[in-house]
Structures are given as C-alpha cells and as structure tokens.
Amino acid sequence: MINHDVAFSFAGENRNFIEIIKNDLVLNNLDVFYDNDFIVELWGTDLTITLAEHYNNSRFVVLLIDDYYLQKMWTFFERQVIIEKYLKLRGSEYLLPVYFNDFKGNVPGLSGLIGHISCKSNNPDYLIKLLLQKLK
C-alpha cells in the first residue's frame, strides 16, 4: 500500500533545503512524507516503527547524502530501513540518492551501482524539476 509519492531522508542541517523541495512538490499535488508535517502523528510513537512505515509506504525515497547525513544516528537507521525495502524490491526504482554539495564519498550499505544525481544547496530548482519528472 503506497501512501506517499515521495519521502525524504536527510540530515537536520539540510532541513531548509528539503522544505523548499517539499513545498514545491505539495503545490504540485504530490503526497510527501516530511517529518515536520507529521509531528502530531509521530509524537509519542516508537519512531523505529512509525518512520519505517512511512518509508516503506512511499513510492520513492530521496536520500539527501552529504557528510552530515553519514554522521547521524537517525539517518543511519532510516538508510537501513530504506535499503532493506530496496533489496526486497530487487532493485526496482524506489531509492533516489542525491549527492549533496559536492559529496563524493562512499555510503555504507549503498551500492555505487545505483544511479544518483548531484545537487547543490543553491539550486533547489534542479532537484524539483527532476523529481516532478520522476513522479509524474
């Protein structure tokens, strides 16, 4: 059961950038999982269960990957949940990695064979354009 067109996994340091993307997608009538829009629903729940449900019930998940992303406990958890679903789907399009602000490192658990895009914080329109094409 798909509840969301897209969900985001990102480090808190990049929240402002993701909000720009999310707002534009919502204006285009897409259902987006963005944690701050679900504060009441998430409040008091076991986030390891609730967040996993949102990621598993999304058509696509965007991972906004940079050094901050790799340092966080919650993004590590989210990445595990997302990769597990990706493996169950046998590599079908679900996982949309975005290497953010010139990130060029390795991402533990994520194959370098998965197509990714690169995006800079000063160009949210680029990511919006690509996501709208992917989601339509």
C-alpha atoms as a PDB file:
ATOM      1  CA  MET A   1       0.000   0.000   0.000  1.00  0.00           C
ATOM      2  CA  ILE A   2       1.558   3.280  -1.135  1.00  0.00           C
ATOM      3  CA  ASN A   3       0.587   6.293   0.952  1.00  0.00           C
ATOM      4  CA  HIS A   4       3.187   8.804  -0.191  1.00  0.00           C
ATOM      5  CA  ASP A   5       4.545   9.688  -3.600  1.00  0.00           C
ATOM      6  CA  VAL A   6       7.905  10.514  -2.044  1.00  0.00           C
ATOM      7  CA  ALA A   7       9.614  10.600   1.341  1.00  0.00           C
ATOM      8  CA  PHE A   8      12.828  12.308   2.357  1.00  0.00           C
ATOM      9  CA  SER A   9      15.754  11.080   4.434  1.00  0.00           C
ATOM     10  CA  PHE A  10      18.165  13.907   5.274  1.00  0.00           C
ATOM     11  CA  ALA A  11      20.329  15.407   7.984  1.00  0.00           C
ATOM     12  CA  GLY A  12      18.781  18.176  10.056  1.00  0.00           C
ATOM     13  CA  GLU A  13      21.412  20.608   8.795  1.00  0.00           C
ATOM     14  CA  ASN A  14      19.722  20.396   5.384  1.00  0.00           C
ATOM     15  CA  ARG A  15      16.146  20.876   6.590  1.00  0.00           C
ATOM     16  CA  ASN A  16      15.722  24.322   4.964  1.00  0.00           C
ATOM     17  CA  PHE A  17      16.701  22.930   1.561  1.00  0.00           C
ATOM     18  CA  ILE A  18      14.316  19.971   1.890  1.00  0.00           C
ATOM     19  CA  GLU A  19      11.472  22.286   2.925  1.00  0.00           C
ATOM     20  CA  ILE A  20      11.859  24.207  -0.343  1.00  0.00           C
ATOM     21  CA  ILE A  21      11.660  20.949  -2.301  1.00  0.00           C
ATOM     22  CA  LYS A  22       8.754  19.611  -0.241  1.00  0.00           C
ATOM     23  CA  ASN A  23       6.714  22.811  -0.565  1.00  0.00           C
ATOM     24  CA  ASP A  24       7.027  22.803  -4.339  1.00  0.00           C
ATOM     25  CA  LEU A  25       6.031  19.132  -4.594  1.00  0.00           C
ATOM     26  CA  VAL A  26       2.977  19.726  -2.403  1.00  0.00           C
ATOM     27  CA  LEU A  27       1.985  22.662  -4.638  1.00  0.00           C
ATOM     28  CA  ASN A  28       2.074  20.127  -7.485  1.00  0.00           C
ATOM     29  CA  ASN A  29      -0.457  17.953  -5.619  1.00  0.00           C
ATOM     30  CA  LEU A  30       2.010  15.260  -4.593  1.00  0.00           C
ATOM     31  CA  ASP A  31       1.787  13.404  -1.297  1.00  0.00           C
ATOM     32  CA  VAL A  32       5.061  13.920   0.535  1.00  0.00           C
ATOM     33  CA  PHE A  33       6.341  12.424   3.763  1.00  0.00           C
ATOM     34  CA  TYR A  34       8.281  15.156   5.536  1.00  0.00           C
ATOM     35  CA  ASP A  35       8.687  14.594   9.256  1.00  0.00           C
ATOM     36  CA  ASN A  36       7.764  18.127  10.366  1.00  0.00           C
ATOM     37  CA  ASP A  37       4.378  17.750   8.673  1.00  0.00           C
ATOM     38  CA  PHE A  38       3.657  14.691  10.844  1.00  0.00           C
ATOM     39  CA  ILE A  39       4.704  15.989  14.272  1.00  0.00           C
ATOM     40  CA  VAL A  40       1.427  15.073  15.986  1.00  0.00           C
ATOM     41  CA  GLU A  41       1.312  11.613  14.396  1.00  0.00           C
ATOM     42  CA  LEU A  42       4.936  10.894  15.340  1.00  0.00           C
ATOM     43  CA  TRP A  43       4.642  12.318  18.846  1.00  0.00           C
ATOM     44  CA  GLY A  44       4.751   9.567  21.442  1.00  0.00           C
ATOM     45  CA  THR A  45       5.198   6.736  18.947  1.00  0.00           C
ATOM     46  CA  ASP A  46       8.084   4.326  18.625  1.00  0.00           C
ATOM     47  CA  LEU A  47       9.877   6.133  15.808  1.00  0.00           C
ATOM     48  CA  THR A  48      11.693   2.980  14.744  1.00  0.00           C
ATOM     49  CA  ILE A  49       8.277   1.597  13.785  1.00  0.00           C
ATOM     50  CA  THR A  50       6.434   4.726  12.645  1.00  0.00           C
ATOM     51  CA  LEU A  51       9.217   6.138  10.476  1.00  0.00           C
ATOM     52  CA  ALA A  52       9.818   2.719   8.917  1.00  0.00           C
ATOM     53  CA  GLU A  53       6.118   2.535   7.994  1.00  0.00           C
ATOM     54  CA  HIS A  54       6.275   5.902   6.248  1.00  0.00           C
ATOM     55  CA  TYR A  55       9.406   4.978   4.289  1.00  0.00           C
ATOM     56  CA  ASN A  56       8.013   1.561   3.399  1.00  0.00           C
ATOM     57  CA  ASN A  57       4.726   3.107   2.261  1.00  0.00           C
ATOM     58  CA  SER A  58       6.307   5.573  -0.139  1.00  0.00           C
ATOM     59  CA  ARG A  59       6.678   5.113  -3.870  1.00  0.00           C
ATOM     60  CA  PHE A  60      10.113   6.777  -3.836  1.00  0.00           C
ATOM     61  CA  VAL A  61      12.528   7.831  -1.112  1.00  0.00           C
ATOM     62  CA  VAL A  62      15.071  10.597  -1.663  1.00  0.00           C
ATOM     63  CA  LEU A  63      18.279  10.298   0.352  1.00  0.00           C
ATOM     64  CA  LEU A  64      19.980  13.679   0.551  1.00  0.00           C
ATOM     65  CA  ILE A  65      23.523  12.471   1.171  1.00  0.00           C
ATOM     66  CA  ASP A  66      26.414  14.521   2.475  1.00  0.00           C
ATOM     67  CA  ASP A  67      28.884  14.255   5.347  1.00  0.00           C
ATOM     68  CA  TYR A  68      26.209  15.315   7.862  1.00  0.00           C
ATOM     69  CA  TYR A  69      23.935  12.518   6.608  1.00  0.00           C
ATOM     70  CA  LEU A  70      26.593   9.892   7.263  1.00  0.00           C
ATOM     71  CA  GLN A  71      27.276  11.142  10.803  1.00  0.00           C
ATOM     72  CA  LYS A  72      23.729  10.956  12.188  1.00  0.00           C
ATOM     73  CA  MET A  73      22.189   8.073  14.132  1.00  0.00           C
ATOM     74  CA  TRP A  74      18.672   8.591  12.719  1.00  0.00           C
ATOM     75  CA  THR A  75      19.781   8.819   9.115  1.00  0.00           C
ATOM     76  CA  PHE A  76      21.751   5.596   9.673  1.00  0.00           C
ATOM     77  CA  PHE A  77      18.537   3.931  10.871  1.00  0.00           C
ATOM     78  CA  GLU A  78      16.489   5.411   8.021  1.00  0.00           C
ATOM     79  CA  ARG A  79      19.066   4.285   5.466  1.00  0.00           C
ATOM     80  CA  GLN A  80      18.894   0.719   6.816  1.00  0.00           C
ATOM     81  CA  VAL A  81      15.089   0.652   6.514  1.00  0.00           C
ATOM     82  CA  ILE A  82      15.195   2.132   3.015  1.00  0.00           C
ATOM     83  CA  ILE A  83      17.901  -0.232   1.755  1.00  0.00           C
ATOM     84  CA  GLU A  84      16.022  -3.224   3.198  1.00  0.00           C
ATOM     85  CA  LYS A  85      12.940  -2.313   1.152  1.00  0.00           C
ATOM     86  CA  TYR A  86      15.088  -1.646  -1.910  1.00  0.00           C
ATOM     87  CA  LEU A  87      16.532  -5.156  -1.623  1.00  0.00           C
ATOM     88  CA  LYS A  88      13.058  -6.674  -1.218  1.00  0.00           C
ATOM     89  CA  LEU A  89      12.020  -4.858  -4.392  1.00  0.00           C
ATOM     90  CA  ARG A  90      15.031  -6.430  -6.105  1.00  0.00           C
ATOM     91  CA  GLY A  91      16.428  -3.115  -7.208  1.00  0.00           C
ATOM     92  CA  SER A  92      13.310  -1.594  -8.709  1.00  0.00           C
ATOM     93  CA  GLU A  93      13.164   2.181  -8.714  1.00  0.00           C
ATOM     94  CA  TYR A  94      12.470   3.272  -5.162  1.00  0.00           C
ATOM     95  CA  LEU A  95      15.707   4.649  -3.811  1.00  0.00           C
ATOM     96  CA  LEU A  96      16.715   8.048  -5.220  1.00  0.00           C
ATOM     97  CA  PRO A  97      20.171   9.061  -3.936  1.00  0.00           C
ATOM     98  CA  VAL A  98      21.124  12.721  -4.196  1.00  0.00           C
ATOM     99  CA  TYR A  99      24.766  13.544  -3.542  1.00  0.00           C
ATOM    100  CA  PHE A 100      24.521  16.947  -1.938  1.00  0.00           C
ATOM    101  CA  ASN A 101      27.000  19.838  -2.124  1.00  0.00           C
ATOM    102  CA  ASP A 102      29.811  18.005  -3.918  1.00  0.00           C
ATOM    103  CA  PHE A 103      29.660  14.873  -1.732  1.00  0.00           C
ATOM    104  CA  LYS A 104      31.875  12.229  -3.299  1.00  0.00           C
ATOM    105  CA  GLY A 105      32.312   9.673  -0.510  1.00  0.00           C
ATOM    106  CA  ASN A 106      31.104   6.125  -0.139  1.00  0.00           C
ATOM    107  CA  VAL A 107      27.771   5.457   1.512  1.00  0.00           C
ATOM    108  CA  PRO A 108      27.833   2.360   3.739  1.00  0.00           C
ATOM    109  CA  GLY A 109      25.272  -0.184   2.567  1.00  0.00           C
ATOM    110  CA  LEU A 110      24.536   1.655  -0.679  1.00  0.00           C
ATOM    111  CA  SER A 111      25.880   0.184  -3.885  1.00  0.00           C
ATOM    112  CA  GLY A 112      27.825   2.531  -6.117  1.00  0.00           C
ATOM    113  CA  LEU A 113      25.875   0.984  -8.994  1.00  0.00           C
ATOM    114  CA  ILE A 114      22.647   2.750  -8.016  1.00  0.00           C
ATOM    115  CA  GLY A 115      22.140   5.781 -10.222  1.00  0.00           C
ATOM    116  CA  HIS A 116      22.366   9.059  -8.356  1.00  0.00           C
ATOM    117  CA  ILE A 117      22.278  12.750  -9.112  1.00  0.00           C
ATOM    118  CA  SER A 118      24.323  15.586  -7.670  1.00  0.00           C
ATOM    119  CA  CYS A 119      22.737  18.776  -6.414  1.00  0.00           C
ATOM    120  CA  LYS A 120      23.944  21.924  -4.664  1.00  0.00           C
ATOM    121  CA  SER A 121      22.125  23.828  -1.955  1.00  0.00           C
ATOM    122  CA  ASN A 122      21.940  26.917  -4.171  1.00  0.00           C
ATOM    123  CA  ASN A 123      19.964  25.050  -6.847  1.00  0.00           C
ATOM    124  CA  PRO A 124      16.783  23.512  -5.396  1.00  0.00           C
ATOM    125  CA  ASP A 125      15.003  24.091  -8.718  1.00  0.00           C
ATOM    126  CA  TYR A 126      17.191  21.426 -10.333  1.00  0.00           C
ATOM    127  CA  LEU A 127      16.073  18.762  -7.853  1.00  0.00           C
ATOM    128  CA  ILE A 128      12.451  19.922  -8.005  1.00  0.00           C
ATOM    129  CA  LYS A 129      12.461  19.641 -11.812  1.00  0.00           C
ATOM    130  CA  LEU A 130      13.898  16.120 -11.733  1.00  0.00           C
ATOM    131  CA  LEU A 131      11.556  14.927  -9.010  1.00  0.00           C
ATOM    132  CA  LEU A 132       8.499  16.263 -10.815  1.00  0.00           C
ATOM    133  CA  GLN A 133       9.596  14.379 -13.949  1.00  0.00           C
ATOM    134  CA  LYS A 134      10.172  11.195 -11.947  1.00  0.00           C
ATOM    135  CA  LEU A 135       6.881  11.406 -10.047  1.00  0.00           C
ATOM    136  CA  LYS A 136       4.581  12.165 -12.957  1.00  0.00           C
END
